[in-house]
Amino acid sequence: MDPRTTSFLLSLQLVIFFNSPFAASETLNVVNFGAKPDAKTDSSKAFQAAWARACTSSTSSSIYVPNGRFYLRHATFNGPCRSDAIDIHIDGTLVAPSDFHVNANSPNWIIFHLVNGVSIFGGTLDGQGAGLWACKRSAKTCPRGATSLEFTDSKNILISGLTSLNSQIFHIVVNECHNVKMEGLKVSASGNSPNTDGIHVGLSSHVTILNSDISTGDDCISIGPGTSNLWIENVACGPGHGISIGSLGKALKEDGVQNVTVKSCRFTNTQNGVRIKSWGRPSSGFARNIRFQHLKMTNVKNPIIIDQNYCPYNKNCPGQASGIKVSDVTYQDIRGTAATRFAMTFDCSPKFPCVGIRLEDVKLSYKNGAAKALCSHVRGTVTGC
């Protein structure tokens, strides 16, 4: 064979290999980019340098965080990237500033924006939020705080085996995303920590939350306007405020929430179990096609609640009829104990009553007796209760 032909064929084989799914991926250890596992040296630039390398690579990449405590002041990971397969494997702990003033002007500690195909495996995020919580409890003027981890305007995301500790406010936020899976998460903060929602989903579709344990000071999972096709299964919640759709109706024109399933979850010593809440004011929003199935309640203050006169602390309450239309909500096979006599509350809008509310095989008790229900402006059916 002509040497020139041999050279051409070899070059062609290399081009095909490096542009095929079998091309070798690159592993990027953040330590090699200058990160220090000493809990005090700011490693933000090192992490972002590793991200820049992975993001500009034409092949799949893996960012590796070894054991140790890596201090990050603030980190933003922007796309779009050339590759749609970037894995982040974390064996260590990422540590936020203990001084809450450091990120006082930032809504996020770690944020991914405009990314596709990012997967996070393992690791711990330590938000060190106790200082800010104490400030808020003292009634001083305090910053709002930073969310520990946010994905925004992104798609095809996986978060698996991650632990989030003591976030200043929300632990994990999924905003304007499509096709997100979260599994095996552990979220932990004090039961009296303010605004520390475990997972918040808003303006997103096809999101799945599985096999996770959430204990915090606010909603274990909160579901905001514009959320559709959300599946939550096998989540343990407590302490916390339960799993909440809303609050809805903050805006006159607002996207609705639809096609939500909450299945095989456990609530222990929580303020609420499953809740739909909206402000008492006009709004174009809605909550429909909701399924709450196979739930276990243990000493829960409000196991089942629809509150369309939501107004925390009774401050600046609108005092109007809620415009949120709540329809086609099923409560099926929900059992356990309530911490108050009224285990079910349906306080619906007088202008747009809740319709299509179905109770099937709901058995809740209070002090070894049958619990009661409060119903206002609600239409539905009851079977097997």
Protein backbone atom coordinates (compact mmCIF):
# COMPACT_ATOMS: atom_id res chain seq x y z
CA MET A 1 0.00 0.00 0.00
CA ASP A 2 1.18 3.48 -0.81
CA PRO A 3 2.60 5.24 2.33
CA ARG A 4 0.43 8.26 1.62
CA THR A 5 -2.67 6.05 1.59
CA THR A 6 -1.63 4.44 4.89
CA SER A 7 -1.12 7.87 6.48
CA PHE A 8 -4.50 9.07 5.25
CA LEU A 9 -6.32 6.01 6.59
CA LEU A 10 -4.64 6.39 10.00
CA SER A 11 -5.62 10.05 10.19
CA LEU A 12 -9.17 9.18 9.21
CA GLN A 13 -9.37 6.52 11.94
CA LEU A 14 -8.17 9.03 14.56
CA VAL A 15 -10.72 11.61 13.46
CA ILE A 16 -13.53 9.05 13.62
CA PHE A 17 -12.41 7.85 17.09
CA PHE A 18 -12.13 11.25 18.71
CA ASN A 19 -15.51 12.28 17.36
CA SER A 20 -17.24 9.09 18.41
CA PRO A 21 -18.96 8.28 21.73
CA PHE A 22 -16.06 5.90 22.49
CA ALA A 23 -13.46 8.68 22.62
CA ALA A 24 -11.68 8.77 25.97
CA SER A 25 -13.06 11.31 28.43
CA GLU A 26 -10.77 13.61 30.37
CA THR A 27 -10.62 13.59 34.18
CA LEU A 28 -9.91 16.98 35.71
CA ASN A 29 -8.82 16.97 39.37
CA VAL A 30 -9.51 20.37 40.91
CA VAL A 31 -6.31 20.07 42.97
CA ASN A 32 -4.32 20.20 39.74
CA PHE A 33 -5.94 23.57 39.05
CA GLY A 34 -4.86 24.98 42.42
CA ALA A 35 -7.66 23.96 44.78
CA LYS A 36 -6.60 23.40 48.41
CA PRO A 37 -8.44 20.94 50.70
CA ASP A 38 -7.67 23.00 53.81
CA ALA A 39 -11.10 24.64 54.38
CA LYS A 40 -9.58 28.13 54.30
CA THR A 41 -7.91 28.81 50.94
CA ASP A 42 -10.43 30.15 48.43
CA SER A 43 -10.61 27.52 45.69
CA SER A 44 -13.30 29.24 43.64
CA LYS A 45 -10.98 30.14 40.75
CA ALA A 46 -9.55 26.61 40.64
CA PHE A 47 -13.02 25.07 40.38
CA GLN A 48 -14.01 27.52 37.67
CA ALA A 49 -10.78 26.84 35.76
CA ALA A 50 -11.55 23.11 35.80
CA TRP A 51 -15.07 23.90 34.61
CA ALA A 52 -13.77 26.11 31.78
CA ARG A 53 -11.56 23.23 30.60
CA ALA A 54 -14.46 20.76 30.68
CA CYS A 55 -16.90 23.19 29.09
CA THR A 56 -14.66 23.93 26.11
CA SER A 57 -13.76 20.28 25.52
CA SER A 58 -15.34 18.56 22.54
CA THR A 59 -15.46 15.24 24.41
CA SER A 60 -17.08 14.23 27.67
CA SER A 61 -15.23 15.34 30.80
CA SER A 62 -15.18 14.45 34.47
CA ILE A 63 -14.35 16.99 37.16
CA TYR A 64 -13.06 15.28 40.29
CA VAL A 65 -13.11 16.73 43.83
CA PRO A 66 -11.07 14.49 46.18
CA ASN A 67 -11.47 14.11 49.93
CA GLY A 68 -10.97 17.23 52.01
CA ARG A 69 -12.78 20.49 52.74
CA PHE A 70 -12.61 22.98 49.88
CA TYR A 71 -13.55 26.56 50.68
CA LEU A 72 -15.50 28.30 47.93
CA ARG A 73 -16.36 31.95 48.30
CA HIS A 74 -18.70 31.90 45.30
CA ALA A 75 -18.81 29.89 42.09
CA THR A 76 -20.70 30.38 38.82
CA PHE A 77 -20.54 27.69 36.14
CA ASN A 78 -21.83 29.08 32.85
CA GLY A 79 -22.73 27.37 29.59
CA PRO A 80 -23.50 26.61 26.93
CA CYS A 81 -20.65 24.12 26.60
CA ARG A 82 -19.27 22.24 23.61
CA SER A 83 -19.85 18.95 25.40
CA ASP A 84 -23.26 17.77 26.59
CA ALA A 85 -21.72 15.25 29.02
CA ILE A 86 -19.89 16.73 32.02
CA ASP A 87 -19.74 14.67 35.21
CA ILE A 88 -18.74 16.12 38.57
CA HIS A 89 -17.62 13.48 41.08
CA ILE A 90 -17.26 14.80 44.62
CA ASP A 91 -15.63 12.81 47.41
CA GLY A 92 -14.97 15.85 49.58
CA THR A 93 -16.91 18.76 51.07
CA LEU A 94 -17.43 22.21 49.59
CA VAL A 95 -17.51 24.82 52.33
CA ALA A 96 -19.25 28.20 52.12
CA PRO A 97 -18.05 31.34 53.94
CA SER A 98 -19.05 31.28 57.61
CA ASP A 99 -19.40 35.08 57.51
CA PHE A 100 -22.78 35.61 55.83
CA HIS A 101 -21.78 39.13 54.79
CA VAL A 102 -19.34 37.68 52.23
CA ASN A 103 -22.15 36.67 49.87
CA ALA A 104 -24.62 39.28 51.11
CA ASN A 105 -25.18 40.65 47.61
CA SER A 106 -25.40 37.30 45.85
CA PRO A 107 -28.58 35.20 45.67
CA ASN A 108 -26.51 32.04 45.13
CA TRP A 109 -23.43 30.35 46.47
CA ILE A 110 -23.01 27.81 43.62
CA ILE A 111 -24.95 28.20 40.38
CA PHE A 112 -25.04 26.45 37.00
CA HIS A 113 -26.52 28.46 34.14
CA LEU A 114 -27.36 27.40 30.57
CA VAL A 115 -25.85 23.92 30.89
CA ASN A 116 -26.85 20.64 29.26
CA GLY A 117 -25.98 17.13 30.38
CA VAL A 118 -24.34 17.96 33.72
CA SER A 119 -24.30 15.22 36.39
CA ILE A 120 -23.22 15.62 40.02
CA PHE A 121 -22.34 12.49 42.00
CA GLY A 122 -21.81 12.39 45.76
CA GLY A 123 -20.16 14.98 47.96
CA THR A 124 -21.30 17.44 50.59
CA LEU A 125 -22.19 21.12 50.45
CA ASP A 126 -21.75 22.88 53.79
CA GLY A 127 -23.58 26.21 53.60
CA GLN A 128 -22.59 27.29 57.14
CA GLY A 129 -25.85 29.17 57.50
CA ALA A 130 -26.17 29.22 61.32
CA GLY A 131 -24.80 32.76 61.61
CA LEU A 132 -27.42 34.17 59.25
CA TRP A 133 -30.22 32.23 60.96
CA ALA A 134 -29.18 33.74 64.30
CA CYS A 135 -29.15 37.21 62.77
CA LYS A 136 -32.68 36.76 61.44
CA ARG A 137 -33.98 35.45 64.75
CA SER A 138 -32.55 38.51 66.53
CA ALA A 139 -34.74 40.84 64.43
CA LYS A 140 -31.68 42.71 63.19
CA THR A 141 -31.32 43.91 59.61
CA CYS A 142 -29.84 40.93 57.79
CA PRO A 143 -29.20 40.00 54.14
CA ARG A 144 -31.62 37.55 52.55
CA GLY A 145 -28.94 34.87 52.18
CA ALA A 146 -27.61 32.68 49.38
CA THR A 147 -29.08 29.49 47.94
CA SER A 148 -26.48 26.72 48.19
CA LEU A 149 -26.96 25.17 44.73
CA GLU A 150 -29.03 26.33 41.77
CA PHE A 151 -29.54 25.13 38.22
CA THR A 152 -31.21 27.67 35.97
CA ASP A 153 -32.20 27.61 32.30
CA SER A 154 -30.65 24.15 31.92
CA LYS A 155 -31.63 20.66 30.77
CA ASN A 156 -30.75 16.97 31.18
CA ILE A 157 -29.42 17.34 34.73
CA LEU A 158 -28.68 14.58 37.28
CA ILE A 159 -27.91 15.14 40.98
CA SER A 160 -27.21 11.85 42.76
CA GLY A 161 -26.04 11.10 46.29
CA LEU A 162 -25.41 14.74 47.24
CA THR A 163 -25.62 15.98 50.85
CA SER A 164 -26.54 19.60 51.60
CA LEU A 165 -25.97 20.90 55.12
CA ASN A 166 -27.02 24.16 56.77
CA SER A 167 -27.78 26.26 53.73
CA GLN A 168 -28.24 29.97 54.41
CA ILE A 169 -31.65 29.82 52.68
CA PHE A 170 -32.81 27.32 50.02
CA HIS A 171 -30.61 24.24 49.70
CA ILE A 172 -31.26 23.27 46.05
CA VAL A 173 -33.18 25.28 43.44
CA VAL A 174 -34.23 24.08 39.98
CA ASN A 175 -35.42 27.05 37.93
CA GLU A 176 -36.43 27.14 34.26
CA CYS A 177 -35.07 23.65 33.65
CA HIS A 178 -36.18 20.60 31.68
CA ASN A 179 -35.52 16.92 32.38
CA VAL A 180 -33.95 16.93 35.85
CA LYS A 181 -33.46 13.91 38.09
CA MET A 182 -32.50 14.12 41.77
CA GLU A 183 -31.98 10.92 43.72
CA GLY A 184 -30.43 9.77 46.98
CA LEU A 185 -30.13 13.27 48.38
CA LYS A 186 -29.71 14.13 52.04
CA VAL A 187 -30.69 17.64 53.11
CA SER A 188 -30.22 18.76 56.68
CA ALA A 189 -30.69 21.99 58.64
CA SER A 190 -32.09 22.95 62.03
CA GLY A 191 -35.85 22.73 62.41
CA ASN A 192 -35.95 26.44 63.31
CA SER A 193 -33.75 27.64 60.45
CA PRO A 194 -35.72 30.25 58.43
CA ASN A 195 -36.39 29.94 54.68
CA THR A 196 -34.22 26.83 54.30
CA ASP A 197 -36.41 24.98 51.78
CA GLY A 198 -34.84 21.64 50.94
CA ILE A 199 -35.60 21.57 47.19
CA HIS A 200 -37.46 24.24 45.25
CA VAL A 201 -38.74 23.63 41.72
CA GLY A 202 -40.14 26.45 39.61
CA LEU A 203 -40.84 27.14 35.91
CA SER A 204 -39.56 23.64 35.15
CA SER A 205 -40.86 20.47 33.51
CA HIS A 206 -40.18 16.74 33.77
CA VAL A 207 -38.44 16.83 37.15
CA THR A 208 -38.06 13.71 39.30
CA ILE A 209 -37.10 13.56 43.00
CA LEU A 210 -36.49 10.08 44.40
CA ASN A 211 -35.28 8.25 47.52
CA SER A 212 -34.21 11.29 49.53
CA ASP A 213 -34.15 12.39 53.17
CA ILE A 214 -34.95 16.03 53.95
CA SER A 215 -34.96 17.68 57.37
CA THR A 216 -35.03 21.45 57.47
CA GLY A 217 -36.73 24.57 58.82
CA ASP A 218 -39.07 25.29 55.93
CA ASP A 219 -40.69 23.28 53.13
CA CYS A 220 -38.96 19.98 52.48
CA ILE A 221 -39.96 20.47 48.84
CA SER A 222 -41.61 23.61 47.48
CA ILE A 223 -43.21 23.75 44.06
CA GLY A 224 -43.48 27.12 42.38
CA PRO A 225 -45.52 28.51 39.47
CA GLY A 226 -44.78 27.13 36.01
CA THR A 227 -43.98 23.61 37.23
CA SER A 228 -45.35 20.66 35.25
CA ASN A 229 -44.79 16.91 35.14
CA LEU A 230 -43.12 16.64 38.54
CA TRP A 231 -42.72 13.22 40.18
CA ILE A 232 -41.76 12.90 43.87
CA GLU A 233 -41.38 9.42 45.35
CA ASN A 234 -39.98 7.85 48.52
CA VAL A 235 -38.99 11.07 50.25
CA ALA A 236 -38.72 11.28 54.06
CA CYS A 237 -39.62 14.74 55.36
CA GLY A 238 -39.13 15.99 58.90
CA PRO A 239 -38.66 18.30 60.55
CA GLY A 240 -39.94 20.89 58.12
CA HIS A 241 -43.09 22.39 56.65
CA GLY A 242 -43.94 19.44 54.41
CA ILE A 243 -44.28 19.29 50.62
CA SER A 244 -45.95 22.46 49.34
CA ILE A 245 -47.36 23.61 46.04
CA GLY A 246 -46.94 27.37 46.29
CA SER A 247 -47.17 29.86 47.45
CA LEU A 248 -49.13 30.74 44.32
CA GLY A 249 -50.89 33.93 43.32
CA LYS A 250 -48.20 36.47 44.09
CA ALA A 251 -48.60 37.90 40.57
CA LEU A 252 -51.72 38.83 38.61
CA LYS A 253 -50.40 36.96 35.56
CA GLU A 254 -48.81 33.71 36.68
CA ASP A 255 -48.08 30.31 35.16
CA GLY A 256 -49.93 27.38 36.67
CA VAL A 257 -48.83 24.11 38.26
CA GLN A 258 -49.99 20.83 36.76
CA ASN A 259 -49.34 17.10 36.59
CA VAL A 260 -47.69 16.63 39.99
CA THR A 261 -47.42 13.25 41.74
CA VAL A 262 -46.26 12.82 45.35
CA LYS A 263 -46.03 9.11 46.13
CA SER A 264 -44.84 6.84 48.97
CA CYS A 265 -43.48 9.67 51.15
CA ARG A 266 -43.19 9.89 54.93
CA PHE A 267 -43.78 12.95 57.11
CA THR A 268 -42.60 12.99 60.73
CA ASN A 269 -43.17 15.86 63.20
CA THR A 270 -43.74 18.33 60.38
CA GLN A 271 -45.89 21.46 60.34
CA ASN A 272 -47.71 20.24 57.24
CA GLY A 273 -47.95 17.09 55.20
CA VAL A 274 -49.06 17.92 51.66
CA ARG A 275 -50.13 21.49 51.09
CA ILE A 276 -51.44 23.77 48.34
CA LYS A 277 -51.20 27.44 49.28
CA SER A 278 -52.11 30.64 47.51
CA TRP A 279 -52.40 34.29 48.42
CA GLY A 280 -55.85 35.86 48.65
CA ARG A 281 -55.62 38.09 45.60
CA PRO A 282 -56.54 37.96 41.88
CA SER A 283 -54.32 35.79 39.70
CA SER A 284 -54.45 33.86 36.43
CA GLY A 285 -52.66 30.86 37.94
CA PHE A 286 -53.93 27.37 38.72
CA ALA A 287 -53.06 24.04 40.33
CA ARG A 288 -54.53 20.99 38.62
CA ASN A 289 -54.09 17.27 38.12
CA ILE A 290 -52.33 16.68 41.44
CA ARG A 291 -51.90 13.20 42.97
CA PHE A 292 -50.97 12.54 46.60
CA GLN A 293 -50.68 8.77 47.02
CA HIS A 294 -49.57 6.23 49.66
CA LEU A 295 -48.38 8.72 52.29
CA LYS A 296 -47.55 8.11 55.96
CA MET A 297 -48.08 10.88 58.54
CA THR A 298 -46.62 10.77 62.05
CA ASN A 299 -47.56 13.59 64.46
CA VAL A 300 -48.14 16.09 61.64
CA LYS A 301 -49.92 19.33 62.49
CA ASN A 302 -51.74 19.69 59.15
CA PRO A 303 -51.47 16.40 57.23
CA ILE A 304 -53.70 17.62 54.36
CA ILE A 305 -54.25 21.30 53.70
CA ILE A 306 -55.37 23.64 50.93
CA ASP A 307 -54.96 27.24 52.12
CA GLN A 308 -56.12 29.90 49.69
CA ASN A 309 -55.81 32.65 52.26
CA TYR A 310 -52.08 32.17 52.76
CA CYS A 311 -50.43 35.03 54.65
CA PRO A 312 -47.45 34.15 56.86
CA TYR A 313 -47.30 35.93 60.20
CA ASN A 314 -50.57 37.71 59.21
CA LYS A 315 -48.63 40.65 57.82
CA ASN A 316 -49.64 42.59 54.70
CA CYS A 317 -52.45 40.16 53.93
CA PRO A 318 -54.25 41.02 50.66
CA GLY A 319 -57.63 40.01 52.10
CA GLN A 320 -59.18 39.31 48.69
CA ALA A 321 -60.53 36.19 47.00
CA SER A 322 -57.79 34.03 45.54
CA GLY A 323 -57.82 33.79 41.76
CA ILE A 324 -55.92 30.49 41.77
CA LYS A 325 -58.11 27.72 40.38
CA VAL A 326 -57.51 24.42 42.22
CA SER A 327 -58.94 21.35 40.50
CA ASP A 328 -58.56 17.58 40.13
CA VAL A 329 -56.62 16.85 43.32
CA THR A 330 -56.60 13.25 44.57
CA TYR A 331 -55.61 12.12 48.07
CA GLN A 332 -55.28 8.33 48.04
CA ASP A 333 -54.17 5.93 50.80
CA ILE A 334 -53.00 8.52 53.33
CA ARG A 335 -52.64 7.23 56.88
CA GLY A 336 -51.19 8.17 60.24
CA THR A 337 -51.54 10.63 63.08
CA ALA A 338 -52.23 14.33 63.29
CA ALA A 339 -50.82 16.62 65.97
CA THR A 340 -54.05 18.68 65.97
CA ARG A 341 -57.74 17.77 65.95
CA PHE A 342 -58.28 19.03 62.40
CA ALA A 343 -56.17 16.80 60.18
CA MET A 344 -57.69 18.09 56.94
CA THR A 345 -58.31 21.72 56.00
CA PHE A 346 -59.78 22.84 52.70
CA ASP A 347 -59.94 26.64 52.85
CA CYS A 348 -60.63 27.38 49.19
CA SER A 349 -61.40 30.53 47.24
CA PRO A 350 -65.01 31.78 47.47
CA LYS A 351 -64.71 33.06 43.90
CA PHE A 352 -63.15 29.90 42.46
CA PRO A 353 -64.01 26.96 44.74
CA CYS A 354 -61.79 23.89 44.68
CA VAL A 355 -63.33 21.29 42.37
CA GLY A 356 -62.62 17.65 41.70
CA ILE A 357 -61.17 17.00 45.16
CA ARG A 358 -61.12 13.25 45.78
CA LEU A 359 -60.44 11.52 49.09
CA GLU A 360 -59.85 7.78 48.76
CA ASP A 361 -58.95 5.59 51.72
CA VAL A 362 -57.73 8.45 53.94
CA LYS A 363 -57.39 7.39 57.58
CA LEU A 364 -55.94 9.96 59.98
CA SER A 365 -56.30 9.93 63.75
CA TYR A 366 -55.80 12.36 66.61
CA LYS A 367 -55.08 11.11 70.12
CA ASN A 368 -56.37 7.62 69.30
CA GLY A 369 -59.62 9.07 67.96
CA ALA A 370 -60.86 10.11 64.57
CA ALA A 371 -59.48 13.41 63.33
CA LYS A 372 -61.78 16.09 61.93
CA ALA A 373 -61.88 18.23 58.80
CA LEU A 374 -62.55 21.89 58.04
CA CYS A 375 -64.08 22.57 54.62
CA SER A 376 -64.88 25.84 52.91
CA HIS A 377 -65.77 26.33 49.24
CA VAL A 378 -64.74 22.81 48.20
CA ARG A 379 -66.46 20.29 45.93
CA GLY A 380 -65.44 16.66 45.68
CA THR A 381 -65.96 13.04 46.63
CA VAL A 382 -65.04 10.81 49.56
CA THR A 383 -64.65 7.00 49.33
CA GLY A 384 -63.25 4.42 51.73
CA CYS A 385 -62.44 6.95 54.46
